[in-house]
């Protein structure tokens, strides 16, 4: 960050947040101002949205691929056992899935039918 490209920016934040920011900046070997700039420019939307969307995309590709193989290779009972094991492992590693935050509002009445098809395929529903 060039000195001529900077401005003085004063904000009030909690002491805990300030201490945490200083510690993270020190861990990364950068001044506090550069760390805050990094948070705003590279870890906040749209950068965060990009990383979250990319991770979700890759996870869905891997899940759909694995699901297609499992549906062909396993019996219904084996598939259901694997499905239960996968859910238990995810719950153990990440906790139960959270409820929908109220801030997101009600689910859309125009859900994507592709998502329904994926959920049905994972549940073993055939049309």
N, C-alpha and C. Protein backbone atom coordinates (compact mmCIF):
# COMPACT_ATOMS: atom_id res chain seq x y z
N UNK A 1 0.86 -1.17 0.00
CA UNK A 1 0.00 0.00 0.00
C UNK A 1 0.90 1.23 0.00
N UNK A 2 0.73 2.07 -1.00
CA UNK A 2 1.56 3.28 -1.11
C UNK A 2 1.01 4.36 -0.20
N UNK A 3 1.91 5.15 0.37
CA UNK A 3 1.51 6.20 1.32
C UNK A 3 0.56 7.21 0.69
N UNK A 4 0.75 7.51 -0.58
CA UNK A 4 -0.11 8.52 -1.22
C UNK A 4 -1.51 7.98 -1.50
N UNK A 5 -1.68 6.67 -1.41
CA UNK A 5 -2.99 6.05 -1.63
C UNK A 5 -3.75 5.81 -0.33
N UNK A 6 -3.29 6.38 0.77
CA UNK A 6 -3.91 6.11 2.06
C UNK A 6 -4.66 7.34 2.57
N UNK A 7 -5.60 7.09 3.46
CA UNK A 7 -6.34 8.14 4.14
C UNK A 7 -6.41 7.78 5.62
N UNK A 8 -6.60 8.79 6.45
CA UNK A 8 -6.81 8.53 7.87
C UNK A 8 -8.27 8.15 8.05
N UNK A 9 -8.51 7.08 8.78
CA UNK A 9 -9.85 6.54 8.94
C UNK A 9 -10.02 6.19 10.41
N UNK A 10 -10.86 6.89 11.12
CA UNK A 10 -11.03 6.69 12.55
C UNK A 10 -12.38 6.04 12.82
N UNK A 11 -12.35 4.93 13.55
CA UNK A 11 -13.58 4.23 13.93
C UNK A 11 -13.46 3.82 15.40
N UNK A 12 -14.61 3.56 16.01
CA UNK A 12 -14.62 3.03 17.37
C UNK A 12 -15.06 1.58 17.31
N UNK A 13 -14.21 0.70 17.86
CA UNK A 13 -14.56 -0.72 17.94
C UNK A 13 -14.27 -1.19 19.36
N UNK A 14 -14.76 -2.34 19.70
CA UNK A 14 -14.55 -2.87 21.06
C UNK A 14 -13.07 -3.15 21.29
N UNK A 15 -12.68 -3.13 22.54
CA UNK A 15 -11.29 -3.41 22.92
C UNK A 15 -10.92 -4.83 22.49
N UNK A 16 -11.85 -5.77 22.64
CA UNK A 16 -11.59 -7.16 22.25
C UNK A 16 -11.31 -7.25 20.75
N UNK A 17 -12.14 -6.57 19.95
CA UNK A 17 -11.94 -6.60 18.50
C UNK A 17 -10.61 -5.96 18.12
N UNK A 18 -10.27 -4.86 18.78
CA UNK A 18 -9.00 -4.18 18.49
C UNK A 18 -7.81 -5.07 18.86
N UNK A 19 -7.90 -5.71 20.03
CA UNK A 19 -6.81 -6.62 20.44
C UNK A 19 -6.67 -7.78 19.47
N UNK A 20 -7.80 -8.31 19.04
CA UNK A 20 -7.78 -9.43 18.10
C UNK A 20 -7.18 -8.98 16.77
N UNK A 21 -7.56 -7.80 16.29
CA UNK A 21 -7.02 -7.28 15.03
C UNK A 21 -5.51 -7.08 15.13
N UNK A 22 -5.05 -6.50 16.24
CA UNK A 22 -3.60 -6.30 16.42
C UNK A 22 -2.87 -7.64 16.43
N UNK A 23 -3.44 -8.64 17.11
CA UNK A 23 -2.80 -9.96 17.19
C UNK A 23 -2.74 -10.62 15.81
N UNK A 24 -3.83 -10.56 15.07
CA UNK A 24 -3.84 -11.15 13.72
C UNK A 24 -2.86 -10.43 12.80
N UNK A 25 -2.81 -9.12 12.91
CA UNK A 25 -1.86 -8.36 12.08
C UNK A 25 -0.43 -8.77 12.42
N UNK A 26 -0.14 -8.89 13.71
CA UNK A 26 1.20 -9.29 14.13
C UNK A 26 1.52 -10.71 13.64
N UNK A 27 0.55 -11.62 13.73
CA UNK A 27 0.76 -12.99 13.25
C UNK A 27 1.09 -13.01 11.77
N UNK A 28 0.48 -12.10 11.01
CA UNK A 28 0.72 -12.03 9.57
C UNK A 28 1.92 -11.17 9.20
N UNK A 29 2.51 -10.52 10.21
CA UNK A 29 3.68 -9.69 9.96
C UNK A 29 3.37 -8.42 9.19
N UNK A 30 2.20 -7.83 9.47
CA UNK A 30 1.85 -6.60 8.77
C UNK A 30 1.35 -5.57 9.76
N UNK A 31 1.47 -4.29 9.42
CA UNK A 31 0.92 -3.25 10.29
C UNK A 31 -0.60 -3.36 10.37
N UNK A 32 -1.17 -2.83 11.44
CA UNK A 32 -2.61 -2.90 11.66
C UNK A 32 -3.39 -2.31 10.48
N UNK A 33 -2.97 -1.16 9.99
CA UNK A 33 -3.67 -0.52 8.87
C UNK A 33 -3.68 -1.40 7.63
N UNK A 34 -2.56 -2.04 7.35
CA UNK A 34 -2.48 -2.93 6.19
C UNK A 34 -3.38 -4.15 6.39
N UNK A 35 -3.44 -4.65 7.62
CA UNK A 35 -4.31 -5.79 7.93
C UNK A 35 -5.78 -5.43 7.72
N UNK A 36 -6.19 -4.26 8.20
CA UNK A 36 -7.58 -3.82 8.03
C UNK A 36 -7.88 -3.63 6.54
N UNK A 37 -6.93 -3.06 5.80
CA UNK A 37 -7.10 -2.92 4.36
C UNK A 37 -7.29 -4.29 3.71
N UNK A 38 -6.48 -5.26 4.14
CA UNK A 38 -6.58 -6.63 3.63
C UNK A 38 -7.96 -7.22 3.93
N UNK A 39 -8.46 -7.02 5.13
CA UNK A 39 -9.79 -7.54 5.49
C UNK A 39 -10.87 -6.96 4.59
N UNK A 40 -10.81 -5.67 4.39
CA UNK A 40 -11.84 -5.00 3.60
C UNK A 40 -11.75 -5.36 2.12
N UNK A 41 -10.55 -5.39 1.58
CA UNK A 41 -10.38 -5.58 0.14
C UNK A 41 -10.38 -7.05 -0.29
N UNK A 42 -9.91 -7.95 0.58
CA UNK A 42 -9.71 -9.32 0.11
C UNK A 42 -10.52 -10.36 0.87
N UNK A 43 -11.05 -10.02 2.02
CA UNK A 43 -11.79 -11.03 2.76
C UNK A 43 -13.26 -10.67 2.95
N UNK A 44 -13.64 -9.51 2.55
CA UNK A 44 -15.04 -9.09 2.64
C UNK A 44 -15.69 -9.27 1.27
N UNK A 45 -17.00 -9.17 1.19
CA UNK A 45 -17.64 -9.26 -0.14
C UNK A 45 -17.04 -8.20 -1.05
N UNK A 46 -16.84 -8.45 -2.32
CA UNK A 46 -17.22 -9.67 -3.02
C UNK A 46 -16.20 -10.79 -2.95
N UNK A 47 -14.99 -10.53 -2.40
CA UNK A 47 -13.98 -11.59 -2.34
C UNK A 47 -14.46 -12.77 -1.52
N UNK A 48 -15.05 -12.50 -0.36
CA UNK A 48 -15.55 -13.59 0.48
C UNK A 48 -16.64 -14.35 -0.26
N UNK A 49 -17.54 -13.62 -0.92
CA UNK A 49 -18.62 -14.27 -1.67
C UNK A 49 -18.03 -15.16 -2.76
N UNK A 50 -16.95 -14.72 -3.40
CA UNK A 50 -16.31 -15.53 -4.44
C UNK A 50 -15.79 -16.83 -3.83
N UNK A 51 -15.07 -16.73 -2.71
CA UNK A 51 -14.49 -17.92 -2.10
C UNK A 51 -15.58 -18.86 -1.59
N UNK A 52 -16.62 -18.31 -0.99
CA UNK A 52 -17.72 -19.14 -0.50
C UNK A 52 -18.43 -19.82 -1.67
N UNK A 53 -18.68 -19.08 -2.74
CA UNK A 53 -19.36 -19.66 -3.90
C UNK A 53 -18.48 -20.72 -4.55
N UNK A 54 -17.19 -20.46 -4.66
CA UNK A 54 -16.29 -21.43 -5.28
C UNK A 54 -16.23 -22.71 -4.44
N UNK A 55 -16.14 -22.57 -3.12
CA UNK A 55 -16.12 -23.74 -2.24
C UNK A 55 -17.42 -24.52 -2.35
N UNK A 56 -18.54 -23.81 -2.38
CA UNK A 56 -19.83 -24.48 -2.52
C UNK A 56 -19.93 -25.19 -3.86
N UNK A 57 -19.48 -24.54 -4.91
CA UNK A 57 -19.51 -25.14 -6.25
C UNK A 57 -18.71 -26.44 -6.28
N UNK A 58 -17.46 -26.38 -5.78
CA UNK A 58 -16.59 -27.56 -5.80
C UNK A 58 -17.16 -28.67 -4.92
N UNK A 59 -17.75 -28.29 -3.79
CA UNK A 59 -18.36 -29.29 -2.91
C UNK A 59 -19.53 -29.97 -3.59
N UNK A 60 -20.34 -29.20 -4.30
CA UNK A 60 -21.49 -29.77 -5.00
C UNK A 60 -21.04 -30.69 -6.13
N UNK A 61 -20.00 -30.31 -6.86
CA UNK A 61 -19.49 -31.16 -7.93
C UNK A 61 -19.00 -32.49 -7.34
N UNK A 62 -18.22 -32.41 -6.27
CA UNK A 62 -17.70 -33.63 -5.64
C UNK A 62 -18.83 -34.49 -5.09
N UNK A 63 -19.83 -33.86 -4.47
CA UNK A 63 -20.96 -34.60 -3.92
C UNK A 63 -21.76 -35.28 -5.02
N UNK A 64 -22.07 -34.55 -6.07
CA UNK A 64 -22.86 -35.12 -7.16
C UNK A 64 -22.11 -36.27 -7.83
N UNK A 65 -20.82 -36.12 -8.02
CA UNK A 65 -20.01 -37.17 -8.63
C UNK A 65 -19.99 -38.41 -7.74
N UNK A 66 -19.74 -38.19 -6.45
CA UNK A 66 -19.72 -39.32 -5.50
C UNK A 66 -21.08 -39.99 -5.43
N UNK A 67 -22.13 -39.19 -5.44
CA UNK A 67 -23.48 -39.72 -5.38
C UNK A 67 -23.78 -40.59 -6.59
N UNK A 68 -23.39 -40.15 -7.76
CA UNK A 68 -23.64 -40.92 -8.98
C UNK A 68 -22.93 -42.28 -8.91
N UNK A 69 -21.70 -42.28 -8.43
CA UNK A 69 -20.96 -43.54 -8.31
C UNK A 69 -21.60 -44.44 -7.26
N UNK A 70 -21.93 -43.87 -6.11
CA UNK A 70 -22.51 -44.66 -5.03
C UNK A 70 -23.84 -45.28 -5.43
N UNK A 71 -24.67 -44.54 -6.14
CA UNK A 71 -25.99 -45.07 -6.53
C UNK A 71 -25.84 -46.28 -7.45
N UNK A 72 -24.78 -46.30 -8.26
CA UNK A 72 -24.57 -47.42 -9.18
C UNK A 72 -23.86 -48.60 -8.51
N UNK A 73 -23.01 -48.31 -7.53
CA UNK A 73 -22.15 -49.34 -6.96
C UNK A 73 -22.73 -50.03 -5.71
N UNK A 74 -23.65 -49.37 -5.01
CA UNK A 74 -24.13 -49.91 -3.75
C UNK A 74 -25.57 -50.40 -3.85
N UNK A 75 -25.89 -51.37 -3.01
CA UNK A 75 -27.29 -51.77 -2.89
C UNK A 75 -28.02 -50.66 -2.14
N UNK A 76 -29.35 -50.71 -2.14
CA UNK A 76 -30.14 -49.70 -1.42
C UNK A 76 -29.76 -49.67 0.06
N UNK A 77 -29.61 -50.83 0.68
CA UNK A 77 -29.25 -50.88 2.11
C UNK A 77 -27.85 -50.31 2.35
N UNK A 78 -26.91 -50.66 1.48
CA UNK A 78 -25.54 -50.13 1.62
C UNK A 78 -25.53 -48.61 1.43
N UNK A 79 -26.31 -48.16 0.45
CA UNK A 79 -26.39 -46.72 0.19
C UNK A 79 -26.95 -45.98 1.41
N UNK A 80 -28.02 -46.50 1.99
CA UNK A 80 -28.62 -45.86 3.16
C UNK A 80 -27.67 -45.87 4.35
N UNK A 81 -26.91 -46.96 4.53
CA UNK A 81 -25.93 -47.03 5.62
C UNK A 81 -24.81 -46.00 5.40
N UNK A 82 -24.36 -45.90 4.15
CA UNK A 82 -23.31 -44.91 3.83
C UNK A 82 -23.82 -43.50 4.03
N UNK A 83 -25.07 -43.27 3.62
CA UNK A 83 -25.69 -41.95 3.80
C UNK A 83 -25.75 -41.58 5.28
N UNK A 84 -26.17 -42.52 6.11
CA UNK A 84 -26.27 -42.28 7.56
C UNK A 84 -24.88 -42.04 8.15
N UNK A 85 -23.90 -42.82 7.72
CA UNK A 85 -22.54 -42.64 8.21
C UNK A 85 -22.00 -41.26 7.82
N UNK A 86 -22.25 -40.84 6.59
CA UNK A 86 -21.78 -39.53 6.13
C UNK A 86 -22.40 -38.41 6.96
N UNK A 87 -23.70 -38.52 7.22
CA UNK A 87 -24.38 -37.49 8.01
C UNK A 87 -23.81 -37.45 9.43
N UNK A 88 -23.61 -38.62 10.04
CA UNK A 88 -23.07 -38.67 11.40
C UNK A 88 -21.65 -38.10 11.45
N UNK A 89 -20.85 -38.40 10.45
CA UNK A 89 -19.48 -37.87 10.41
C UNK A 89 -19.50 -36.35 10.27
N UNK A 90 -20.37 -35.84 9.41
CA UNK A 90 -20.47 -34.38 9.23
C UNK A 90 -20.94 -33.72 10.52
N UNK A 91 -21.92 -34.32 11.18
CA UNK A 91 -22.42 -33.75 12.43
C UNK A 91 -21.35 -33.77 13.51
N UNK A 92 -20.54 -34.84 13.54
CA UNK A 92 -19.47 -34.93 14.52
C UNK A 92 -18.39 -33.87 14.26
N UNK A 93 -18.05 -33.67 12.99
CA UNK A 93 -16.99 -32.72 12.64
C UNK A 93 -17.44 -31.27 12.70
N UNK A 94 -18.67 -31.00 12.26
CA UNK A 94 -19.12 -29.62 12.10
C UNK A 94 -20.31 -29.24 12.98
N UNK A 95 -20.89 -30.22 13.68
CA UNK A 95 -22.10 -29.95 14.45
C UNK A 95 -23.32 -30.10 13.56
N UNK A 96 -24.48 -30.11 14.18
CA UNK A 96 -25.72 -30.22 13.42
C UNK A 96 -25.87 -29.00 12.50
N UNK A 97 -26.51 -29.18 11.36
CA UNK A 97 -26.70 -28.03 10.48
C UNK A 97 -27.52 -26.95 11.19
N UNK A 98 -27.14 -25.69 11.03
CA UNK A 98 -27.86 -24.62 11.71
C UNK A 98 -29.22 -24.38 11.07
N UNK A 99 -30.11 -23.80 11.85
CA UNK A 99 -31.39 -23.39 11.30
C UNK A 99 -31.20 -22.18 10.40
N UNK A 100 -32.18 -21.91 9.61
CA UNK A 100 -32.12 -20.77 8.70
C UNK A 100 -32.19 -19.48 9.51
N UNK A 101 -31.22 -18.57 9.35
CA UNK A 101 -31.27 -17.30 10.09
C UNK A 101 -32.50 -16.48 9.72
N UNK A 102 -33.12 -15.88 10.69
CA UNK A 102 -34.30 -15.04 10.43
C UNK A 102 -33.95 -13.89 9.49
N UNK A 103 -32.69 -13.43 9.53
CA UNK A 103 -32.29 -12.30 8.70
C UNK A 103 -32.38 -12.63 7.20
N UNK A 104 -32.43 -13.92 6.85
CA UNK A 104 -32.54 -14.30 5.45
C UNK A 104 -33.99 -14.27 4.98
N UNK A 105 -34.92 -14.14 5.89
CA UNK A 105 -36.32 -14.11 5.51
C UNK A 105 -36.84 -15.51 5.24
N UNK A 106 -38.05 -15.58 4.78
CA UNK A 106 -38.69 -16.87 4.49
C UNK A 106 -38.06 -17.50 3.26
N UNK A 107 -38.06 -18.84 3.20
CA UNK A 107 -37.55 -19.48 1.98
C UNK A 107 -38.34 -19.02 0.76
N UNK A 108 -37.67 -18.97 -0.36
CA UNK A 108 -38.31 -18.53 -1.59
C UNK A 108 -39.38 -19.52 -2.04
N UNK A 109 -40.53 -19.02 -2.48
CA UNK A 109 -41.54 -19.93 -3.03
C UNK A 109 -41.13 -20.44 -4.41
N UNK A 110 -40.06 -19.89 -4.96
CA UNK A 110 -39.58 -20.27 -6.29
C UNK A 110 -38.27 -21.04 -6.18
N UNK A 111 -38.30 -22.14 -5.41
CA UNK A 111 -37.09 -22.93 -5.23
C UNK A 111 -36.63 -23.51 -6.57
N UNK A 112 -35.35 -23.73 -6.69
CA UNK A 112 -34.76 -24.28 -7.90
C UNK A 112 -35.06 -25.78 -7.98
N UNK A 113 -35.73 -26.26 -9.01
CA UNK A 113 -36.06 -27.68 -9.11
C UNK A 113 -34.82 -28.58 -9.19
N UNK A 114 -33.70 -28.03 -9.61
CA UNK A 114 -32.47 -28.82 -9.65
C UNK A 114 -32.02 -29.21 -8.25
N UNK A 115 -32.23 -28.31 -7.28
CA UNK A 115 -31.89 -28.64 -5.90
C UNK A 115 -32.79 -29.75 -5.37
N UNK A 116 -34.08 -29.65 -5.68
CA UNK A 116 -35.00 -30.71 -5.27
C UNK A 116 -34.56 -32.05 -5.85
N UNK A 117 -34.18 -32.07 -7.11
CA UNK A 117 -33.74 -33.30 -7.76
C UNK A 117 -32.49 -33.86 -7.08
N UNK A 118 -31.57 -32.98 -6.71
CA UNK A 118 -30.35 -33.44 -6.04
C UNK A 118 -30.68 -34.02 -4.67
N UNK A 119 -31.54 -33.34 -3.90
CA UNK A 119 -31.93 -33.87 -2.59
C UNK A 119 -32.64 -35.21 -2.73
N UNK A 120 -33.50 -35.32 -3.73
CA UNK A 120 -34.21 -36.59 -3.94
C UNK A 120 -33.24 -37.69 -4.34
N UNK A 121 -32.27 -37.37 -5.18
CA UNK A 121 -31.28 -38.36 -5.59
C UNK A 121 -30.47 -38.83 -4.38
N UNK A 122 -30.11 -37.90 -3.52
CA UNK A 122 -29.34 -38.28 -2.34
C UNK A 122 -30.17 -39.14 -1.41
N UNK A 123 -31.45 -38.86 -1.33
CA UNK A 123 -32.34 -39.64 -0.47
C UNK A 123 -32.73 -40.97 -1.11
N UNK A 124 -32.36 -41.20 -2.37
CA UNK A 124 -32.68 -42.44 -3.04
C UNK A 124 -34.04 -42.46 -3.68
N UNK A 125 -34.66 -41.29 -3.85
CA UNK A 125 -35.98 -41.21 -4.48
C UNK A 125 -35.79 -41.30 -6.00
N UNK A 126 -36.59 -42.14 -6.64
CA UNK A 126 -36.53 -42.22 -8.10
C UNK A 126 -37.87 -41.77 -8.65
N UNK A 127 -37.82 -41.17 -9.81
CA UNK A 127 -39.04 -40.68 -10.45
C UNK A 127 -39.52 -41.63 -11.50
